[in-house]
PDB file of N, CA and C in Angstrom:
ATOM      1  N   MET A   1     -22.421  51.083  32.735  1.00  0.00           N
ATOM      2  CA  MET A   1     -22.711  49.825  32.960  1.00  0.00           C
ATOM      3  C   MET A   1     -22.461  49.330  33.896  1.00  0.00           C
ATOM      4  N   GLU A   2     -21.257  49.378  34.077  1.00  0.00           N
ATOM      5  CA  GLU A   2     -20.554  48.878  35.891  1.00  0.00           C
ATOM      6  C   GLU A   2     -21.009  49.126  37.001  1.00  0.00           C
ATOM      7  N   LYS A   3     -21.974  50.303  36.804  1.00  0.00           N
ATOM      8  CA  LYS A   3     -22.499  50.747  38.507  1.00  0.00           C
ATOM      9  C   LYS A   3     -23.942  49.816  38.126  1.00  0.00           C
ATOM     10  N   ALA A   4     -24.493  49.713  36.983  1.00  0.00           N
ATOM     11  CA  ALA A   4     -25.675  49.083  37.129  1.00  0.00           C
ATOM     12  C   ALA A   4     -25.862  47.134  37.503  1.00  0.00           C
ATOM     13  N   ILE A   5     -25.016  46.877  37.291  1.00  0.00           N
ATOM     14  CA  ILE A   5     -24.301  45.676  37.477  1.00  0.00           C
ATOM     15  C   ILE A   5     -24.138  45.252  38.894  1.00  0.00           C
ATOM     16  N   GLU A   6     -23.165  46.224  39.754  1.00  0.00           N
ATOM     17  CA  GLU A   6     -22.841  46.411  40.452  1.00  0.00           C
ATOM     18  C   GLU A   6     -23.936  46.504  41.807  1.00  0.00           C
ATOM     19  N   LEU A   7     -25.170  47.599  41.440  1.00  0.00           N
ATOM     20  CA  LEU A   7     -26.106  47.668  42.156  1.00  0.00           C
ATOM     21  C   LEU A   7     -27.257  46.738  41.962  1.00  0.00           C
ATOM     22  N   LEU A   8     -27.207  45.665  40.830  1.00  0.00           N
ATOM     23  CA  LEU A   8     -28.007  44.701  40.519  1.00  0.00           C
ATOM     24  C   LEU A   8     -27.505  43.773  41.219  1.00  0.00           C
ATOM     25  N   ASN A   9     -26.281  43.455  41.193  1.00  0.00           N
ATOM     26  CA  ASN A   9     -25.550  42.719  42.616  1.00  0.00           C
ATOM     27  C   ASN A   9     -25.807  42.703  44.240  1.00  0.00           C
ATOM     28  N   GLU A  10     -26.062  44.046  44.497  1.00  0.00           N
ATOM     29  CA  GLU A  10     -26.202  44.086  45.796  1.00  0.00           C
ATOM     30  C   GLU A  10     -27.951  43.885  45.564  1.00  0.00           C
ATOM     31  N   VAL A  11     -28.739  44.162  45.035  1.00  0.00           N
ATOM     32  CA  VAL A  11     -29.958  44.139  45.036  1.00  0.00           C
ATOM     33  C   VAL A  11     -30.445  42.320  45.174  1.00  0.00           C
ATOM     34  N   LEU A  12     -29.777  41.709  44.224  1.00  0.00           N
ATOM     35  CA  LEU A  12     -30.058  39.943  44.178  1.00  0.00           C
ATOM     36  C   LEU A  12     -29.100  39.683  45.669  1.00  0.00           C
ATOM     37  N   ALA A  13     -28.261  40.185  46.170  1.00  0.00           N
ATOM     38  CA  ALA A  13     -27.641  39.528  47.647  1.00  0.00           C
ATOM     39  C   ALA A  13     -28.858  39.582  48.754  1.00  0.00           C
ATOM     40  N   LEU A  14     -29.134  40.719  48.404  1.00  0.00           N
ATOM     41  CA  LEU A  14     -30.493  41.393  49.448  1.00  0.00           C
ATOM     42  C   LEU A  14     -31.408  40.437  49.207  1.00  0.00           C
ATOM     43  N   LYS A  15     -31.426  39.929  48.115  1.00  0.00           N
ATOM     44  CA  LYS A  15     -33.104  39.000  48.042  1.00  0.00           C
ATOM     45  C   LYS A  15     -32.867  37.747  48.366  1.00  0.00           C
ATOM     46  N   ASN A  16     -31.388  37.417  48.349  1.00  0.00           N
ATOM     47  CA  ASN A  16     -30.857  36.120  48.075  1.00  0.00           C
ATOM     48  C   ASN A  16     -30.756  35.857  50.163  1.00  0.00           C
ATOM     49  N   SER A  17     -30.743  36.612  50.593  1.00  0.00           N
ATOM     50  CA  SER A  17     -30.210  36.744  52.140  1.00  0.00           C
ATOM     51  C   SER A  17     -31.585  37.150  52.666  1.00  0.00           C
ATOM     52  N   SER A  18     -32.705  37.430  52.146  1.00  0.00           N
ATOM     53  CA  SER A  18     -33.779  38.152  53.429  1.00  0.00           C
ATOM     54  C   SER A  18     -34.612  36.538  52.663  1.00  0.00           C
ATOM     55  N   LYS A  19     -35.447  36.238  54.074  1.00  0.00           N
ATOM     56  CA  LYS A  19     -36.481  35.265  53.541  1.00  0.00           C
ATOM     57  C   LYS A  19     -37.414  35.668  54.261  1.00  0.00           C
ATOM     58  N   ASP A  20     -37.710  36.573  54.892  1.00  0.00           N
ATOM     59  CA  ASP A  20     -39.327  37.135  55.615  1.00  0.00           C
ATOM     60  C   ASP A  20     -39.590  37.571  54.095  1.00  0.00           C
ATOM     61  N   SER A  21     -39.211  38.967  53.955  1.00  0.00           N
ATOM     62  CA  SER A  21     -40.006  39.641  52.636  1.00  0.00           C
ATOM     63  C   SER A  21     -38.739  40.114  51.558  1.00  0.00           C
ATOM     64  N   PRO A  22     -38.304  39.105  50.837  1.00  0.00           N
ATOM     65  CA  PRO A  22     -37.329  39.817  50.128  1.00  0.00           C
ATOM     66  C   PRO A  22     -37.601  40.860  48.505  1.00  0.00           C
ATOM     67  N   PRO A  23     -36.801  41.997  49.014  1.00  0.00           N
ATOM     68  CA  PRO A  23     -37.267  42.925  47.786  1.00  0.00           C
ATOM     69  C   PRO A  23     -37.922  42.465  46.572  1.00  0.00           C
ATOM     70  N   THR A  24     -39.053  43.004  45.877  1.00  0.00           N
ATOM     71  CA  THR A  24     -39.055  43.101  44.315  1.00  0.00           C
ATOM     72  C   THR A  24     -38.033  43.912  43.262  1.00  0.00           C
ATOM     73  N   ILE A  25     -37.558  43.285  42.608  1.00  0.00           N
ATOM     74  CA  ILE A  25     -36.938  44.234  41.213  1.00  0.00           C
ATOM     75  C   ILE A  25     -37.758  44.380  40.286  1.00  0.00           C
ATOM     76  N   PHE A  26     -37.832  45.686  40.350  1.00  0.00           N
ATOM     77  CA  PHE A  26     -38.853  46.202  38.829  1.00  0.00           C
ATOM     78  C   PHE A  26     -37.239  46.713  38.164  1.00  0.00           C
ATOM     79  N   LEU A  27     -37.286  46.791  36.652  1.00  0.00           N
ATOM     80  CA  LEU A  27     -36.954  47.213  35.374  1.00  0.00           C
ATOM     81  C   LEU A  27     -37.567  48.171  34.943  1.00  0.00           C
ATOM     82  N   GLY A  28     -37.371  49.574  35.166  1.00  0.00           N
ATOM     83  CA  GLY A  28     -37.618  50.576  34.509  1.00  0.00           C
ATOM     84  C   GLY A  28     -36.846  51.326  32.787  1.00  0.00           C
ATOM     85  N   ILE A  29     -37.882  50.593  31.735  1.00  0.00           N
ATOM     86  CA  ILE A  29     -37.459  51.001  30.769  1.00  0.00           C
ATOM     87  C   ILE A  29     -38.462  52.075  29.319  1.00  0.00           C
ATOM     88  N   THR A  30     -37.729  52.463  28.752  1.00  0.00           N
ATOM     89  CA  THR A  30     -38.337  53.058  27.774  1.00  0.00           C
ATOM     90  C   THR A  30     -38.661  52.310  26.735  1.00  0.00           C
ATOM     91  N   SER A  31     -39.435  52.992  25.634  1.00  0.00           N
ATOM     92  CA  SER A  31     -39.933  51.770  24.506  1.00  0.00           C
ATOM     93  C   SER A  31     -38.772  51.751  24.035  1.00  0.00           C
ATOM     94  N   ASN A  32     -37.567  52.559  23.131  1.00  0.00           N
ATOM     95  CA  ASN A  32     -36.794  52.297  22.637  1.00  0.00           C
ATOM     96  C   ASN A  32     -35.649  51.604  23.070  1.00  0.00           C
ATOM     97  N   VAL A  33     -35.876  51.246  24.517  1.00  0.00           N
ATOM     98  CA  VAL A  33     -34.530  50.008  24.534  1.00  0.00           C
ATOM     99  C   VAL A  33     -35.123  48.907  24.113  1.00  0.00           C
ATOM    100  N   ILE A  34     -35.805  47.924  23.627  1.00  0.00           N
ATOM    101  CA  ILE A  34     -35.921  46.999  22.980  1.00  0.00           C
ATOM    102  C   ILE A  34     -35.589  47.532  21.358  1.00  0.00           C
ATOM    103  N   SER A  35     -36.180  48.397  20.730  1.00  0.00           N
ATOM    104  CA  SER A  35     -35.539  48.567  19.654  1.00  0.00           C
ATOM    105  C   SER A  35     -34.274  49.057  19.447  1.00  0.00           C
ATOM    106  N   CYS A  36     -33.806  49.006  20.112  1.00  0.00           N
ATOM    107  CA  CYS A  36     -31.953  49.918  20.065  1.00  0.00           C
ATOM    108  C   CYS A  36     -31.105  48.598  20.120  1.00  0.00           C
ATOM    109  N   GLY A  37     -31.654  47.297  20.468  1.00  0.00           N
ATOM    110  CA  GLY A  37     -30.135  46.410  20.461  1.00  0.00           C
ATOM    111  C   GLY A  37     -30.217  46.025  21.815  1.00  0.00           C
ATOM    112  N   LEU A  38     -31.416  46.522  22.208  1.00  0.00           N
ATOM    113  CA  LEU A  38     -30.763  45.404  24.147  1.00  0.00           C
ATOM    114  C   LEU A  38     -32.134  44.434  24.506  1.00  0.00           C
ATOM    115  N   ARG A  39     -32.870  43.772  23.073  1.00  0.00           N
ATOM    116  CA  ARG A  39     -33.781  42.999  23.461  1.00  0.00           C
ATOM    117  C   ARG A  39     -32.956  41.584  24.114  1.00  0.00           C
ATOM    118  N   GLU A  40     -32.169  41.265  23.752  1.00  0.00           N
ATOM    119  CA  GLU A  40     -31.252  39.957  24.121  1.00  0.00           C
ATOM    120  C   GLU A  40     -30.963  40.313  25.671  1.00  0.00           C
ATOM    121  N   THR A  41     -30.181  41.146  25.740  1.00  0.00           N
ATOM    122  CA  THR A  41     -29.884  41.575  27.200  1.00  0.00           C
ATOM    123  C   THR A  41     -30.877  41.560  28.262  1.00  0.00           C
ATOM    124  N   ILE A  42     -32.518  42.393  27.510  1.00  0.00           N
ATOM    125  CA  ILE A  42     -33.816  42.374  28.491  1.00  0.00           C
ATOM    126  C   ILE A  42     -34.344  40.720  29.012  1.00  0.00           C
ATOM    127  N   ALA A  43     -33.781  40.095  27.498  1.00  0.00           N
ATOM    128  CA  ALA A  43     -34.787  38.631  27.739  1.00  0.00           C
ATOM    129  C   ALA A  43     -33.937  37.871  28.825  1.00  0.00           C
ATOM    130  N   PHE A  44     -32.708  38.181  28.603  1.00  0.00           N
ATOM    131  CA  PHE A  44     -31.132  37.626  29.489  1.00  0.00           C
ATOM    132  C   PHE A  44     -31.723  37.590  31.217  1.00  0.00           C
ATOM    133  N   LEU A  45     -32.136  38.379  31.666  1.00  0.00           N
ATOM    134  CA  LEU A  45     -32.941  39.465  32.943  1.00  0.00           C
ATOM    135  C   LEU A  45     -34.066  38.652  33.406  1.00  0.00           C
ATOM    136  N   CYS A  46     -34.807  38.442  32.514  1.00  0.00           N
ATOM    137  CA  CYS A  46     -35.933  37.768  32.381  1.00  0.00           C
ATOM    138  C   CYS A  46     -36.068  36.080  32.721  1.00  0.00           C
ATOM    139  N   LYS A  47     -34.922  35.934  31.323  1.00  0.00           N
ATOM    140  CA  LYS A  47     -35.060  34.196  31.597  1.00  0.00           C
ATOM    141  C   LYS A  47     -34.204  33.745  32.745  1.00  0.00           C
ATOM    142  N   HIS A  48     -33.268  34.121  33.330  1.00  0.00           N
ATOM    143  CA  HIS A  48     -32.392  34.328  34.240  1.00  0.00           C
ATOM    144  C   HIS A  48     -33.452  34.868  35.823  1.00  0.00           C
ATOM    145  N   LYS A  49     -33.964  34.997  35.627  1.00  0.00           N
ATOM    146  CA  LYS A  49     -35.268  35.482  37.058  1.00  0.00           C
ATOM    147  C   LYS A  49     -34.277  36.187  37.653  1.00  0.00           C
ATOM    148  N   LEU A  50     -33.685  37.494  37.093  1.00  0.00           N
ATOM    149  CA  LEU A  50     -32.719  38.926  38.097  1.00  0.00           C
ATOM    150  C   LEU A  50     -33.528  39.817  38.096  1.00  0.00           C
ATOM    151  N   VAL A  51     -35.141  39.763  37.309  1.00  0.00           N
ATOM    152  CA  VAL A  51     -36.047  40.911  37.621  1.00  0.00           C
ATOM    153  C   VAL A  51     -37.444  40.494  37.423  1.00  0.00           C
ATOM    154  N   ASP A  52     -37.895  40.869  38.538  1.00  0.00           N
ATOM    155  CA  ASP A  52     -39.032  40.587  38.778  1.00  0.00           C
ATOM    156  C   ASP A  52     -40.737  40.849  37.634  1.00  0.00           C
ATOM    157  N   ALA A  53     -40.134  42.307  37.562  1.00  0.00           N
ATOM    158  CA  ALA A  53     -41.361  43.277  36.934  1.00  0.00           C
ATOM    159  C   ALA A  53     -40.650  44.276  35.992  1.00  0.00           C
ATOM    160  N   ILE A  54     -41.550  44.447  34.315  1.00  0.00           N
ATOM    161  CA  ILE A  54     -40.911  45.381  33.801  1.00  0.00           C
ATOM    162  C   ILE A  54     -41.559  46.421  33.477  1.00  0.00           C
ATOM    163  N   VAL A  55     -41.468  47.549  33.649  1.00  0.00           N
ATOM    164  CA  VAL A  55     -42.411  48.835  33.582  1.00  0.00           C
ATOM    165  C   VAL A  55     -41.594  49.409  32.045  1.00  0.00           C
ATOM    166  N   CYS A  56     -42.692  49.588  31.067  1.00  0.00           N
ATOM    167  CA  CYS A  56     -42.105  49.754  29.906  1.00  0.00           C
ATOM    168  C   CYS A  56     -43.199  51.087  29.391  1.00  0.00           C
ATOM    169  N   THR A  57     -42.715  52.215  28.835  1.00  0.00           N
ATOM    170  CA  THR A  57     -43.608  52.850  27.956  1.00  0.00           C
ATOM    171  C   THR A  57     -43.930  52.562  26.654  1.00  0.00           C
ATOM    172  N   GLY A  58     -45.184  52.797  25.886  1.00  0.00           N
ATOM    173  CA  GLY A  58     -45.404  51.903  24.905  1.00  0.00           C
ATOM    174  C   GLY A  58     -45.382  53.086  23.611  1.00  0.00           C
ATOM    175  N   GLY A  59     -43.888  53.811  23.698  1.00  0.00           N
ATOM    176  CA  GLY A  59     -43.609  54.763  22.494  1.00  0.00           C
ATOM    177  C   GLY A  59     -43.955  54.654  21.523  1.00  0.00           C
ATOM    178  N   GLY A  60     -43.301  53.648  21.065  1.00  0.00           N
ATOM    179  CA  GLY A  60     -43.325  52.968  19.935  1.00  0.00           C
ATOM    180  C   GLY A  60     -44.933  51.928  19.138  1.00  0.00           C
ATOM    181  N   ILE A  61     -45.304  51.488  19.459  1.00  0.00           N
ATOM    182  CA  ILE A  61     -46.736  50.883  19.670  1.00  0.00           C
ATOM    183  C   ILE A  61     -47.445  51.176  18.386  1.00  0.00           C
ATOM    184  N   GLU A  62     -47.543  51.745  17.910  1.00  0.00           N
ATOM    185  CA  GLU A  62     -47.901  51.921  16.625  1.00  0.00           C
ATOM    186  C   GLU A  62     -47.705  51.693  15.912  1.00  0.00           C
ATOM    187  N   GLU A  63     -46.201  52.112  15.890  1.00  0.00           N
ATOM    188  CA  GLU A  63     -44.968  51.528  14.713  1.00  0.00           C
ATOM    189  C   GLU A  63     -45.383  49.612  14.375  1.00  0.00           C
ATOM    190  N   ASP A  64     -45.146  49.476  15.661  1.00  0.00           N
ATOM    191  CA  ASP A  64     -45.310  47.595  15.813  1.00  0.00           C
ATOM    192  C   ASP A  64     -46.619  47.245  15.262  1.00  0.00           C
ATOM    193  N   PHE A  65     -47.461  48.363  15.303  1.00  0.00           N
ATOM    194  CA  PHE A  65     -49.433  47.657  15.146  1.00  0.00           C
ATOM    195  C   PHE A  65     -48.811  47.697  13.449  1.00  0.00           C
ATOM    196  N   MET A  66     -48.463  48.690  12.980  1.00  0.00           N
ATOM    197  CA  MET A  66     -47.935  49.393  11.318  1.00  0.00           C
ATOM    198  C   MET A  66     -47.666  47.967  10.916  1.00  0.00           C
ATOM    199  N   LYS A  67     -46.648  47.557  11.734  1.00  0.00           N
ATOM    200  CA  LYS A  67     -45.697  46.357  10.988  1.00  0.00           C
ATOM    201  C   LYS A  67     -46.540  45.318  10.518  1.00  0.00           C
ATOM    202  N   THR A  68     -47.482  44.820  11.685  1.00  0.00           N
ATOM    203  CA  THR A  68     -48.197  43.376  11.729  1.00  0.00           C
ATOM    204  C   THR A  68     -49.029  43.502  10.532  1.00  0.00           C
ATOM    205  N   GLN A  69     -49.088  44.928   9.931  1.00  0.00           N
ATOM    206  CA  GLN A  69     -50.488  44.514   8.809  1.00  0.00           C
ATOM    207  C   GLN A  69     -50.174  44.683   7.753  1.00  0.00           C
ATOM    208  N   HIS A  70     -49.110  45.402   7.373  1.00  0.00           N
ATOM    209  CA  HIS A  70     -48.884  45.246   6.089  1.00  0.00           C
ATOM    210  C   HIS A  70     -47.087  44.557   6.043  1.00  0.00           C
ATOM    211  N   PRO A  71     -46.499  44.172   5.079  1.00  0.00           N
ATOM    212  CA  PRO A  71     -45.577  44.417   5.058  1.00  0.00           C
ATOM    213  C   PRO A  71     -43.957  45.639   5.108  1.00  0.00           C
ATOM    214  N   SER A  72     -43.533  45.404   5.758  1.00  0.00           N
ATOM    215  CA  SER A  72     -42.465  46.819   6.029  1.00  0.00           C
ATOM    216  C   SER A  72     -41.281  46.538   5.072  1.00  0.00           C
ATOM    217  N   TYR A  73     -40.532  47.669   4.729  1.00  0.00           N
ATOM    218  CA  TYR A  73     -39.370  47.654   4.121  1.00  0.00           C
ATOM    219  C   TYR A  73     -38.206  48.392   4.957  1.00  0.00           C
ATOM    220  N   VAL A  74     -36.881  48.294   5.090  1.00  0.00           N
ATOM    221  CA  VAL A  74     -35.933  49.073   5.264  1.00  0.00           C
ATOM    222  C   VAL A  74     -35.356  49.787   3.882  1.00  0.00           C
ATOM    223  N   VAL A  75     -35.493  50.921   3.645  1.00  0.00           N
ATOM    224  CA  VAL A  75     -35.268  51.898   2.892  1.00  0.00           C
ATOM    225  C   VAL A  75     -33.859  52.973   3.212  1.00  0.00           C
ATOM    226  N   GLU A  76     -32.972  53.496   2.349  1.00  0.00           N
ATOM    227  CA  GLU A  76     -32.179  54.154   2.489  1.00  0.00           C
ATOM    228  C   GLU A  76     -32.488  55.392   1.944  1.00  0.00           C
ATOM    229  N   TYR A  77     -32.968  56.728   2.849  1.00  0.00           N
ATOM    230  CA  TYR A  77     -33.945  57.621   2.395  1.00  0.00           C
ATOM    231  C   TYR A  77     -32.547  58.918   2.831  1.00  0.00           C
ATOM    232  N   GLN A  78     -32.247  59.825   1.589  1.00  0.00           N
ATOM    233  CA  GLN A  78     -31.514  60.740   1.955  1.00  0.00           C
ATOM    234  C   GLN A  78     -32.086  62.391   0.887  1.00  0.00           C
ATOM    235  N   VAL A  79     -32.170  62.989   1.421  1.00  0.00           N
ATOM    236  CA  VAL A  79     -32.477  64.252   0.881  1.00  0.00           C
ATOM    237  C   VAL A  79     -31.815  65.346   0.501  1.00  0.00           C
ATOM    238  N   ASN A  80     -31.799  66.145  -0.752  1.00  0.00           N
ATOM    239  CA  ASN A  80     -30.945  67.486  -0.877  1.00  0.00           C
ATOM    240  C   ASN A  80     -31.123  68.355  -0.280  1.00  0.00           C
ATOM    241  N   ASP A  81     -31.058  69.090   0.985  1.00  0.00           N
ATOM    242  CA  ASP A  81     -31.504  69.814   1.806  1.00  0.00           C
ATOM    243  C   ASP A  81     -31.472  71.288   0.726  1.00  0.00           C
ATOM    244  N   ARG A  82     -30.666  71.421   0.114  1.00  0.00           N
ATOM    245  CA  ARG A  82     -30.566  72.456  -0.365  1.00  0.00           C
ATOM    246  C   ARG A  82     -31.465  72.904  -1.789  1.00  0.00           C
ATOM    247  N   ARG A  83     -32.020  71.593  -2.288  1.00  0.00           N
ATOM    248  CA  ARG A  83     -32.880  71.299  -3.362  1.00  0.00           C
ATOM    249  C   ARG A  83     -34.709  71.908  -2.506  1.00  0.00           C
ATOM    250  N   TRP A  84     -34.456  72.030  -0.652  1.00  0.00           N
ATOM    251  CA  TRP A  84     -36.182  72.618  -0.440  1.00  0.00           C
ATOM    252  C   TRP A  84     -35.599  73.784   0.035  1.00  0.00           C
ATOM    253  N   ARG A  85     -34.820  74.483   0.181  1.00  0.00           N
ATOM    254  CA  ARG A  85     -34.255  75.965   0.802  1.00  0.00           C
ATOM    255  C   ARG A  85     -35.156  77.125  -0.255  1.00  0.00           C
ATOM    256  N   VAL A  86     -35.689  77.923   0.000  1.00  0.00           N
ATOM    257  CA  VAL A  86     -36.303  79.095  -0.616  1.00  0.00           C
ATOM    258  C   VAL A  86     -35.274  80.581  -1.301  1.00  0.00           C
TER     259      VAL A  86
END
């Protein structure tokens, strides 16, 4: 994480010092980044205009679609593996 912050600071300094053609900052993430607890971090970067564009995979889009159609529940699911062995 420290390296990412250092790199972002370097690019932001370059962006602030370059008047003619400042670099465009793309943030590339996989779909699980949003659902794994980093949603607030991504929102902070966007809100404070620290990134210009986000490129994200659509890995969990089917789950999001299903959640909009019917209520979803969080349950604990445990299976006794020995019971399933032959």
